[in-house]
Protein backbone atom coordinates (compact mmCIF):
# COMPACT_ATOMS: atom_id res chain seq x y z
CA MET A 1 11.37 -7.78 21.74
CA ASP A 2 9.04 -10.42 20.39
CA ILE A 3 9.15 -10.55 16.42
CA ASP A 4 5.35 -9.73 17.05
CA GLU A 5 6.22 -6.74 18.33
CA GLN A 6 8.79 -6.01 15.94
CA VAL A 7 7.12 -5.97 12.85
CA ALA A 8 4.14 -3.96 14.69
CA LEU A 9 6.97 -1.49 15.10
CA PHE A 10 7.51 -1.48 11.65
CA LEU A 11 4.12 -1.45 10.58
CA HIS A 12 3.13 1.02 12.80
CA ILE A 13 6.24 4.04 11.36
CA ILE A 14 5.06 2.53 7.57
CA ALA A 15 1.52 3.03 7.77
CA HIS A 16 1.26 6.40 9.91
CA ASN A 17 4.65 7.81 9.09
CA VAL A 18 5.43 8.61 12.59
CA LYS A 19 8.83 10.26 13.55
CA ASN A 20 11.30 8.03 15.27
CA ARG A 21 10.58 9.66 18.90
CA VAL A 22 6.92 9.05 18.82
CA ILE A 23 7.48 5.36 18.75
CA ILE A 24 9.70 5.38 21.95
CA GLY A 25 6.32 6.74 23.89
CA HIS A 26 4.40 3.93 22.15
CA PHE A 27 6.80 0.83 22.48
CA GLN A 28 8.78 2.09 25.39
CA CYS A 29 12.34 1.51 24.15
CA SER A 30 14.95 3.85 23.07
CA GLY A 31 15.66 5.18 19.87
CA GLU A 32 18.39 3.15 19.02
CA LYS A 33 16.45 -0.14 19.10
CA ILE A 34 13.51 1.26 17.35
CA SER A 35 16.13 2.53 14.56
CA LYS A 36 17.76 -1.17 14.64
CA THR A 37 14.33 -2.98 14.60
CA VAL A 38 13.17 -1.09 11.65
CA SER A 39 16.53 -2.11 9.88
CA GLN A 40 15.85 -5.38 10.47
CA VAL A 41 12.41 -6.17 9.28
CA CYS A 42 12.93 -4.10 6.43
CA ASN A 43 16.24 -6.60 5.17
CA ALA A 44 13.84 -9.05 6.31
CA VAL A 45 11.09 -8.09 4.15
CA ILE A 46 13.50 -7.34 1.07
CA ARG A 47 14.90 -11.06 1.60
CA LEU A 48 11.41 -12.32 0.94
CA HIS A 49 10.53 -9.94 -1.73
CA PRO A 50 10.43 -13.20 -4.19
CA HIS A 51 7.70 -14.68 -1.84
CA LEU A 52 5.71 -11.79 -1.05
CA LEU A 53 5.14 -10.14 -4.57
CA LYS A 54 4.08 -11.90 -7.61
CA LYS A 55 5.41 -10.42 -10.96
CA PRO A 56 2.71 -9.55 -13.29
CA GLU A 57 2.39 -11.19 -16.46
CA LEU A 58 1.17 -9.70 -19.35
CA VAL A 59 -2.19 -10.46 -20.97
CA ILE A 60 -1.71 -12.92 -23.84
CA GLU A 61 -1.75 -12.03 -27.67
CA LYS A 62 -4.04 -14.71 -28.06
CA SER A 63 -6.80 -14.20 -25.61
CA THR A 64 -10.56 -15.16 -25.44
CA ASP A 65 -11.32 -13.63 -22.84
CA GLN A 66 -13.38 -10.61 -24.16
CA SER A 67 -13.26 -7.82 -21.00
CA TRP A 68 -9.22 -8.19 -21.75
CA LYS A 69 -9.12 -8.54 -25.78
CA TRP A 70 -8.11 -4.61 -25.78
CA PHE A 71 -5.42 -5.16 -23.19
CA LYS A 72 -3.24 -7.36 -25.63
CA ASN A 73 0.81 -7.07 -24.13
CA TYR A 74 -0.05 -5.08 -21.29
CA LEU A 75 0.35 -5.76 -17.70
CA GLY A 76 -3.18 -5.16 -16.41
CA ALA A 77 -6.16 -2.61 -16.40
CA LEU A 78 -5.87 0.71 -14.85
CA ASP A 79 -8.88 2.85 -13.04
CA GLY A 80 -9.02 5.34 -10.71
CA LYS A 81 -11.82 5.18 -7.89
CA HIS A 82 -13.14 7.97 -4.85
CA ILE A 83 -13.24 5.67 -2.19
CA LYS A 84 -15.16 7.70 1.38
CA CYS A 85 -12.99 8.07 4.03
CA LEU A 86 -13.43 9.97 7.72
CA VAL A 87 -10.78 12.82 8.00
CA PRO A 88 -10.94 15.44 10.75
CA LEU A 89 -12.88 18.32 10.22
CA LYS A 90 -9.83 20.97 9.50
CA ASP A 91 -8.61 18.40 6.69
CA MET A 92 -12.43 17.99 5.04
CA PRO A 93 -11.82 20.47 2.37
CA LYS A 94 -8.96 18.91 1.09
CA TYR A 95 -10.78 15.81 0.63
CA ARG A 96 -14.24 17.10 -0.86
CA THR A 97 -15.15 15.49 -4.12
CA ARG A 98 -17.32 17.64 -6.53
CA LYS A 99 -20.30 16.11 -5.54
CA ASN A 100 -19.87 17.01 -2.22
CA ASP A 101 -18.67 13.93 -0.60
CA ILE A 102 -15.86 13.14 1.68
CA ALA A 103 -13.56 10.77 -0.11
CA THR A 104 -9.67 10.04 -1.39
CA ASN A 105 -8.78 9.02 -5.01
CA VAL A 106 -7.25 5.57 -5.30
CA LEU A 107 -5.38 4.67 -8.92
CA GLY A 108 -5.05 0.86 -9.46
CA VAL A 109 -3.96 -1.70 -12.05
CA CYS A 110 -5.36 -4.98 -11.70
CA SER A 111 -3.83 -8.38 -13.63
CA GLN A 112 -5.98 -10.57 -15.78
CA ASP A 113 -6.70 -12.74 -12.77
CA MET A 114 -8.00 -9.85 -10.60
CA GLN A 115 -5.10 -9.24 -8.75
CA PHE A 116 -3.93 -5.91 -8.00
CA ILE A 117 -0.47 -5.35 -8.86
CA TYR A 118 -0.13 -1.58 -8.55
CA VAL A 119 -2.47 0.73 -6.38
CA LEU A 120 -1.37 4.74 -5.17
CA PRO A 121 -3.54 5.98 -2.85
CA GLY A 122 -3.97 9.46 -2.00
C-alpha cells in the first residue's frame, strides 16, 4: 500500500469516525492490514508532533497592540461562532439555531498572530 493510500485511509477513519469493517470495503484490504496501517500512521504523526504543532506563546505583559492589551499573560482569545452546514433532513432539528438557520457551533482560540490554537467543533 502506498504512503498516500495509508494516509488517506487514516484520515478517512479519523474524519468520518468509521469502523474497521467499513474501511475494508472502501480500500479492499484485510482488517488486520487496516489496523496496522492506522497504527503506523498514528505513530508517525505522534513522532512528527514537535514539527507539526506550534506551542502557543503567552501574550506579553508589555503588548502595545490595542486589541490584545486585555489578554496579558493569556494564550489567546476565545470565541464561538455558528457556521452554516448541510445535514441530512432527519438531523436538521438538532442543528437548528434560535434564528431558524441550520448551523453548528464552533469554539475557537486564536493566538496573537491569528493562528488557531484550539478548535472545538460541534
